[in-house]
Amino acid sequence: MSKKIATRLAAIPAVIVATMGTAMAELPASVATEVGTYKTDALEALGLILAAGVAIWGLRKLGSKLGWF
């Protein structure tokens, strides 16, 4: 096999990878809506958990300053 042919054969995988795109299927509108609703609900739940943690931390800090604990 000549060197020129070997070089071209070696370049084939690189060309295939470079030209290959990702295949993505389109979601139905109802699924996209539900995913958006889930994101909103999850963000709200995480916000409430964070607020509860800050409130507990604040009460503990206040309690230690005032000698409750």
PDB file of N, CA and C in Angstrom:
ATOM      1  N   MET A   1       0.846  -1.160   0.000  1.00  0.00           N
ATOM      2  CA  MET A   1       0.000   0.000   0.000  1.00  0.00           C
ATOM      3  C   MET A   1       0.901   1.236   0.000  1.00  0.00           C
ATOM      4  N   SER A   2       0.526   2.171  -0.818  1.00  0.00           N
ATOM      5  CA  SER A   2       1.368   3.357  -0.922  1.00  0.00           C
ATOM      6  C   SER A   2       1.113   4.293   0.269  1.00  0.00           C
ATOM      7  N   LYS A   3       2.043   5.165   0.461  1.00  0.00           N
ATOM      8  CA  LYS A   3       1.969   6.095   1.576  1.00  0.00           C
ATOM      9  C   LYS A   3       0.789   7.059   1.405  1.00  0.00           C
ATOM     10  N   LYS A   4       0.512   7.447   0.169  1.00  0.00           N
ATOM     11  CA  LYS A   4      -0.581   8.373  -0.106  1.00  0.00           C
ATOM     12  C   LYS A   4      -1.931   7.749   0.253  1.00  0.00           C
ATOM     13  N   ILE A   5      -2.128   6.505  -0.093  1.00  0.00           N
ATOM     14  CA  ILE A   5      -3.384   5.809   0.219  1.00  0.00           C
ATOM     15  C   ILE A   5      -3.511   5.605   1.723  1.00  0.00           C
ATOM     16  N   ALA A   6      -2.414   5.258   2.375  1.00  0.00           N
ATOM     17  CA  ALA A   6      -2.445   5.063   3.819  1.00  0.00           C
ATOM     18  C   ALA A   6      -2.807   6.352   4.552  1.00  0.00           C
ATOM     19  N   THR A   7      -2.320   7.477   4.064  1.00  0.00           N
ATOM     20  CA  THR A   7      -2.637   8.773   4.673  1.00  0.00           C
ATOM     21  C   THR A   7      -4.118   9.096   4.508  1.00  0.00           C
ATOM     22  N   ARG A   8      -4.653   8.819   3.329  1.00  0.00           N
ATOM     23  CA  ARG A   8      -6.076   9.076   3.098  1.00  0.00           C
ATOM     24  C   ARG A   8      -6.954   8.159   3.937  1.00  0.00           C
ATOM     25  N   LEU A   9      -6.563   6.906   4.076  1.00  0.00           N
ATOM     26  CA  LEU A   9      -7.337   5.976   4.895  1.00  0.00           C
ATOM     27  C   LEU A   9      -7.294   6.379   6.371  1.00  0.00           C
ATOM     28  N   ALA A  10      -6.182   6.913   6.789  1.00  0.00           N
ATOM     29  CA  ALA A  10      -6.068   7.351   8.177  1.00  0.00           C
ATOM     30  C   ALA A  10      -6.923   8.584   8.446  1.00  0.00           C
ATOM     31  N   ALA A  11      -7.196   9.394   7.428  1.00  0.00           N
ATOM     32  CA  ALA A  11      -7.978  10.623   7.593  1.00  0.00           C
ATOM     33  C   ALA A  11      -9.486  10.368   7.586  1.00  0.00           C
ATOM     34  N   ILE A  12      -9.912   9.223   7.133  1.00  0.00           N
ATOM     35  CA  ILE A  12     -11.353   8.928   7.017  1.00  0.00           C
ATOM     36  C   ILE A  12     -12.069   9.021   8.368  1.00  0.00           C
ATOM     37  N   PRO A  13     -11.573   8.400   9.434  1.00  0.00           N
ATOM     38  CA  PRO A  13     -12.300   8.525  10.713  1.00  0.00           C
ATOM     39  C   PRO A  13     -12.420   9.972  11.194  1.00  0.00           C
ATOM     40  N   ALA A  14     -11.406  10.783  10.984  1.00  0.00           N
ATOM     41  CA  ALA A  14     -11.466  12.183  11.400  1.00  0.00           C
ATOM     42  C   ALA A  14     -12.529  12.940  10.609  1.00  0.00           C
ATOM     43  N   VAL A  15     -12.655  12.662   9.334  1.00  0.00           N
ATOM     44  CA  VAL A  15     -13.665  13.317   8.502  1.00  0.00           C
ATOM     45  C   VAL A  15     -15.066  12.887   8.939  1.00  0.00           C
ATOM     46  N   ILE A  16     -15.237  11.623   9.250  1.00  0.00           N
ATOM     47  CA  ILE A  16     -16.547  11.126   9.678  1.00  0.00           C
ATOM     48  C   ILE A  16     -16.956  11.783  10.990  1.00  0.00           C
ATOM     49  N   VAL A  17     -16.035  11.863  11.934  1.00  0.00           N
ATOM     50  CA  VAL A  17     -16.347  12.482  13.227  1.00  0.00           C
ATOM     51  C   VAL A  17     -16.634  13.967  13.054  1.00  0.00           C
ATOM     52  N   ALA A  18     -15.902  14.655  12.198  1.00  0.00           N
ATOM     53  CA  ALA A  18     -16.086  16.092  12.007  1.00  0.00           C
ATOM     54  C   ALA A  18     -17.418  16.414  11.337  1.00  0.00           C
ATOM     55  N   THR A  19     -17.894  15.555  10.465  1.00  0.00           N
ATOM     56  CA  THR A  19     -19.137  15.834   9.743  1.00  0.00           C
ATOM     57  C   THR A  19     -20.367  15.261  10.432  1.00  0.00           C
ATOM     58  N   MET A  20     -20.172  14.462  11.452  1.00  0.00           N
ATOM     59  CA  MET A  20     -21.291  13.825  12.135  1.00  0.00           C
ATOM     60  C   MET A  20     -21.911  14.807  13.128  1.00  0.00           C
ATOM     61  N   GLY A  21     -23.203  14.964  13.081  1.00  0.00           N
ATOM     62  CA  GLY A  21     -23.914  15.845  14.005  1.00  0.00           C
ATOM     63  C   GLY A  21     -24.627  15.025  15.055  1.00  0.00           C
ATOM     64  N   THR A  22     -25.181  15.706  16.028  1.00  0.00           N
ATOM     65  CA  THR A  22     -25.947  15.006  17.050  1.00  0.00           C
ATOM     66  C   THR A  22     -27.406  14.951  16.618  1.00  0.00           C
ATOM     67  N   ALA A  23     -28.021  13.833  16.823  1.00  0.00           N
ATOM     68  CA  ALA A  23     -29.423  13.657  16.468  1.00  0.00           C
ATOM     69  C   ALA A  23     -30.270  13.932  17.700  1.00  0.00           C
ATOM     70  N   MET A  24     -31.184  14.859  17.577  1.00  0.00           N
ATOM     71  CA  MET A  24     -32.057  15.191  18.698  1.00  0.00           C
ATOM     72  C   MET A  24     -33.503  15.158  18.212  1.00  0.00           C
ATOM     73  N   ALA A  25     -34.327  14.433  18.936  1.00  0.00           N
ATOM     74  CA  ALA A  25     -35.734  14.360  18.584  1.00  0.00           C
ATOM     75  C   ALA A  25     -36.476  15.529  19.222  1.00  0.00           C
ATOM     76  N   GLU A  26     -37.477  16.013  18.537  1.00  0.00           N
ATOM     77  CA  GLU A  26     -38.281  17.112  19.060  1.00  0.00           C
ATOM     78  C   GLU A  26     -39.296  16.566  20.049  1.00  0.00           C
ATOM     79  N   LEU A  27     -39.403  17.225  21.198  1.00  0.00           N
ATOM     80  CA  LEU A  27     -40.367  16.810  22.213  1.00  0.00           C
ATOM     81  C   LEU A  27     -41.752  17.345  21.862  1.00  0.00           C
ATOM     82  N   PRO A  28     -42.770  16.594  22.212  1.00  0.00           N
ATOM     83  CA  PRO A  28     -44.121  17.121  22.039  1.00  0.00           C
ATOM     84  C   PRO A  28     -44.320  18.362  22.916  1.00  0.00           C
ATOM     85  N   ALA A  29     -45.231  19.220  22.534  1.00  0.00           N
ATOM     86  CA  ALA A  29     -45.466  20.476  23.260  1.00  0.00           C
ATOM     87  C   ALA A  29     -45.891  20.225  24.701  1.00  0.00           C
ATOM     88  N   SER A  30     -46.688  19.195  24.932  1.00  0.00           N
ATOM     89  CA  SER A  30     -47.147  18.913  26.299  1.00  0.00           C
ATOM     90  C   SER A  30     -45.984  18.516  27.205  1.00  0.00           C
ATOM     91  N   VAL A  31     -45.028  17.784  26.672  1.00  0.00           N
ATOM     92  CA  VAL A  31     -43.855  17.378  27.464  1.00  0.00           C
ATOM     93  C   VAL A  31     -43.003  18.600  27.788  1.00  0.00           C
ATOM     94  N   ALA A  32     -42.805  19.463  26.818  1.00  0.00           N
ATOM     95  CA  ALA A  32     -42.020  20.673  27.055  1.00  0.00           C
ATOM     96  C   ALA A  32     -42.686  21.548  28.115  1.00  0.00           C
ATOM     97  N   THR A  33     -44.012  21.636  28.079  1.00  0.00           N
ATOM     98  CA  THR A  33     -44.744  22.412  29.084  1.00  0.00           C
ATOM     99  C   THR A  33     -44.567  21.806  30.475  1.00  0.00           C
ATOM    100  N   GLU A  34     -44.676  20.494  30.560  1.00  0.00           N
ATOM    101  CA  GLU A  34     -44.532  19.821  31.857  1.00  0.00           C
ATOM    102  C   GLU A  34     -43.115  19.959  32.406  1.00  0.00           C
ATOM    103  N   VAL A  35     -42.116  19.924  31.551  1.00  0.00           N
ATOM    104  CA  VAL A  35     -40.739  20.117  31.999  1.00  0.00           C
ATOM    105  C   VAL A  35     -40.568  21.533  32.545  1.00  0.00           C
ATOM    106  N   GLY A  36     -41.144  22.501  31.886  1.00  0.00           N
ATOM    107  CA  GLY A  36     -41.092  23.878  32.380  1.00  0.00           C
ATOM    108  C   GLY A  36     -41.786  24.027  33.717  1.00  0.00           C
ATOM    109  N   THR A  37     -42.936  23.369  33.873  1.00  0.00           N
ATOM    110  CA  THR A  37     -43.661  23.398  35.143  1.00  0.00           C
ATOM    111  C   THR A  37     -42.837  22.748  36.245  1.00  0.00           C
ATOM    112  N   TYR A  38     -42.184  21.639  35.924  1.00  0.00           N
ATOM    113  CA  TYR A  38     -41.345  20.957  36.912  1.00  0.00           C
ATOM    114  C   TYR A  38     -40.198  21.857  37.360  1.00  0.00           C
ATOM    115  N   LYS A  39     -39.574  22.552  36.415  1.00  0.00           N
ATOM    116  CA  LYS A  39     -38.471  23.449  36.765  1.00  0.00           C
ATOM    117  C   LYS A  39     -38.945  24.526  37.731  1.00  0.00           C
ATOM    118  N   THR A  40     -40.115  25.088  37.455  1.00  0.00           N
ATOM    119  CA  THR A  40     -40.667  26.128  38.327  1.00  0.00           C
ATOM    120  C   THR A  40     -40.942  25.578  39.720  1.00  0.00           C
ATOM    121  N   ASP A  41     -41.582  24.414  39.784  1.00  0.00           N
ATOM    122  CA  ASP A  41     -41.904  23.812  41.076  1.00  0.00           C
ATOM    123  C   ASP A  41     -40.648  23.429  41.849  1.00  0.00           C
ATOM    124  N   ALA A  42     -39.655  22.890  41.162  1.00  0.00           N
ATOM    125  CA  ALA A  42     -38.421  22.487  41.830  1.00  0.00           C
ATOM    126  C   ALA A  42     -37.676  23.701  42.370  1.00  0.00           C
ATOM    127  N   LEU A  43     -37.646  24.791  41.606  1.00  0.00           N
ATOM    128  CA  LEU A  43     -36.997  26.012  42.080  1.00  0.00           C
ATOM    129  C   LEU A  43     -37.712  26.572  43.304  1.00  0.00           C
ATOM    130  N   GLU A  44     -39.025  26.531  43.294  1.00  0.00           N
ATOM    131  CA  GLU A  44     -39.793  27.011  44.436  1.00  0.00           C
ATOM    132  C   GLU A  44     -39.521  26.164  45.675  1.00  0.00           C
ATOM    133  N   ALA A  45     -39.488  24.850  45.509  1.00  0.00           N
ATOM    134  CA  ALA A  45     -39.217  23.955  46.635  1.00  0.00           C
ATOM    135  C   ALA A  45     -37.813  24.182  47.189  1.00  0.00           C
ATOM    136  N   LEU A  46     -36.839  24.345  46.318  1.00  0.00           N
ATOM    137  CA  LEU A  46     -35.475  24.596  46.787  1.00  0.00           C
ATOM    138  C   LEU A  46     -35.375  25.937  47.504  1.00  0.00           C
ATOM    139  N   GLY A  47     -36.094  26.925  47.031  1.00  0.00           N
ATOM    140  CA  GLY A  47     -36.117  28.224  47.703  1.00  0.00           C
ATOM    141  C   GLY A  47     -36.703  28.126  49.104  1.00  0.00           C
ATOM    142  N   LEU A  48     -37.788  27.351  49.244  1.00  0.00           N
ATOM    143  CA  LEU A  48     -38.392  27.169  50.564  1.00  0.00           C
ATOM    144  C   LEU A  48     -37.455  26.418  51.511  1.00  0.00           C
ATOM    145  N   ILE A  49     -36.760  25.420  51.010  1.00  0.00           N
ATOM    146  CA  ILE A  49     -35.805  24.678  51.831  1.00  0.00           C
ATOM    147  C   ILE A  49     -34.668  25.592  52.278  1.00  0.00           C
ATOM    148  N   LEU A  50     -34.173  26.409  51.361  1.00  0.00           N
ATOM    149  CA  LEU A  50     -33.105  27.350  51.700  1.00  0.00           C
ATOM    150  C   LEU A  50     -33.581  28.364  52.736  1.00  0.00           C
ATOM    151  N   ALA A  51     -34.793  28.884  52.564  1.00  0.00           N
ATOM    152  CA  ALA A  51     -35.341  29.851  53.517  1.00  0.00           C
ATOM    153  C   ALA A  51     -35.512  29.226  54.894  1.00  0.00           C
ATOM    154  N   ALA A  52     -35.967  27.977  54.945  1.00  0.00           N
ATOM    155  CA  ALA A  52     -36.118  27.291  56.235  1.00  0.00           C
ATOM    156  C   ALA A  52     -34.757  27.102  56.897  1.00  0.00           C
ATOM    157  N   GLY A  53     -33.757  26.747  56.120  1.00  0.00           N
ATOM    158  CA  GLY A  53     -32.413  26.585  56.674  1.00  0.00           C
ATOM    159  C   GLY A  53     -31.861  27.881  57.225  1.00  0.00           C
ATOM    160  N   VAL A  54     -32.080  28.970  56.509  1.00  0.00           N
ATOM    161  CA  VAL A  54     -31.612  30.276  56.984  1.00  0.00           C
ATOM    162  C   VAL A  54     -32.356  30.676  58.252  1.00  0.00           C
ATOM    163  N   ALA A  55     -33.661  30.402  58.314  1.00  0.00           N
ATOM    164  CA  ALA A  55     -34.435  30.729  59.517  1.00  0.00           C
ATOM    165  C   ALA A  55     -33.946  29.925  60.714  1.00  0.00           C
ATOM    166  N   ILE A  56     -33.695  28.645  60.527  1.00  0.00           N
ATOM    167  CA  ILE A  56     -33.189  27.807  61.616  1.00  0.00           C
ATOM    168  C   ILE A  56     -31.816  28.288  62.067  1.00  0.00           C
ATOM    169  N   TRP A  57     -30.968  28.597  61.102  1.00  0.00           N
ATOM    170  CA  TRP A  57     -29.632  29.101  61.442  1.00  0.00           C
ATOM    171  C   TRP A  57     -29.743  30.410  62.226  1.00  0.00           C
ATOM    172  N   GLY A  58     -30.616  31.305  61.788  1.00  0.00           N
ATOM    173  CA  GLY A  58     -30.787  32.591  62.461  1.00  0.00           C
ATOM    174  C   GLY A  58     -31.296  32.435  63.881  1.00  0.00           C
ATOM    175  N   LEU A  59     -32.268  31.537  64.069  1.00  0.00           N
ATOM    176  CA  LEU A  59     -32.788  31.309  65.414  1.00  0.00           C
ATOM    177  C   LEU A  59     -31.732  30.692  66.330  1.00  0.00           C
ATOM    178  N   ARG A  60     -30.952  29.788  65.801  1.00  0.00           N
ATOM    179  CA  ARG A  60     -29.875  29.185  66.614  1.00  0.00           C
ATOM    180  C   ARG A  60     -28.840  30.241  66.990  1.00  0.00           C
ATOM    181  N   LYS A  61     -28.491  31.099  66.037  1.00  0.00           N
ATOM    182  CA  LYS A  61     -27.512  32.161  66.302  1.00  0.00           C
ATOM    183  C   LYS A  61     -28.067  33.131  67.352  1.00  0.00           C
ATOM    184  N   LEU A  62     -29.325  33.515  67.190  1.00  0.00           N
ATOM    185  CA  LEU A  62     -29.961  34.406  68.154  1.00  0.00           C
ATOM    186  C   LEU A  62     -30.037  33.737  69.531  1.00  0.00           C
ATOM    187  N   GLY A  63     -30.396  32.466  69.523  1.00  0.00           N
ATOM    188  CA  GLY A  63     -30.486  31.733  70.789  1.00  0.00           C
ATOM    189  C   GLY A  63     -29.154  31.637  71.505  1.00  0.00           C
ATOM    190  N   SER A  64     -28.078  31.465  70.755  1.00  0.00           N
ATOM    191  CA  SER A  64     -26.770  31.383  71.402  1.00  0.00           C
ATOM    192  C   SER A  64     -26.342  32.746  71.943  1.00  0.00           C
ATOM    193  N   LYS A  65     -26.711  33.825  71.272  1.00  0.00           N
ATOM    194  CA  LYS A  65     -26.374  35.168  71.749  1.00  0.00           C
ATOM    195  C   LYS A  65     -27.186  35.528  73.007  1.00  0.00           C
ATOM    196  N   LEU A  66     -28.435  35.090  73.046  1.00  0.00           N
ATOM    197  CA  LEU A  66     -29.298  35.424  74.177  1.00  0.00           C
ATOM    198  C   LEU A  66     -29.263  34.381  75.285  1.00  0.00           C
ATOM    199  N   GLY A  67     -28.510  33.328  75.093  1.00  0.00           N
ATOM    200  CA  GLY A  67     -28.361  32.308  76.120  1.00  0.00           C
ATOM    201  C   GLY A  67     -29.510  31.325  76.217  1.00  0.00           C
ATOM    202  N   TRP A  68     -30.266  31.167  75.136  1.00  0.00           N
ATOM    203  CA  TRP A  68     -31.354  30.196  75.151  1.00  0.00           C
ATOM    204  C   TRP A  68     -30.851  28.765  75.060  1.00  0.00           C
ATOM    205  N   PHE A  69     -29.711  28.598  74.440  1.00  0.00           N
ATOM    206  CA  PHE A  69     -29.171  27.241  74.229  1.00  0.00           C
ATOM    207  C   PHE A  69     -27.948  27.026  75.062  1.00  0.00           C
TER     208      PHE A  69
END
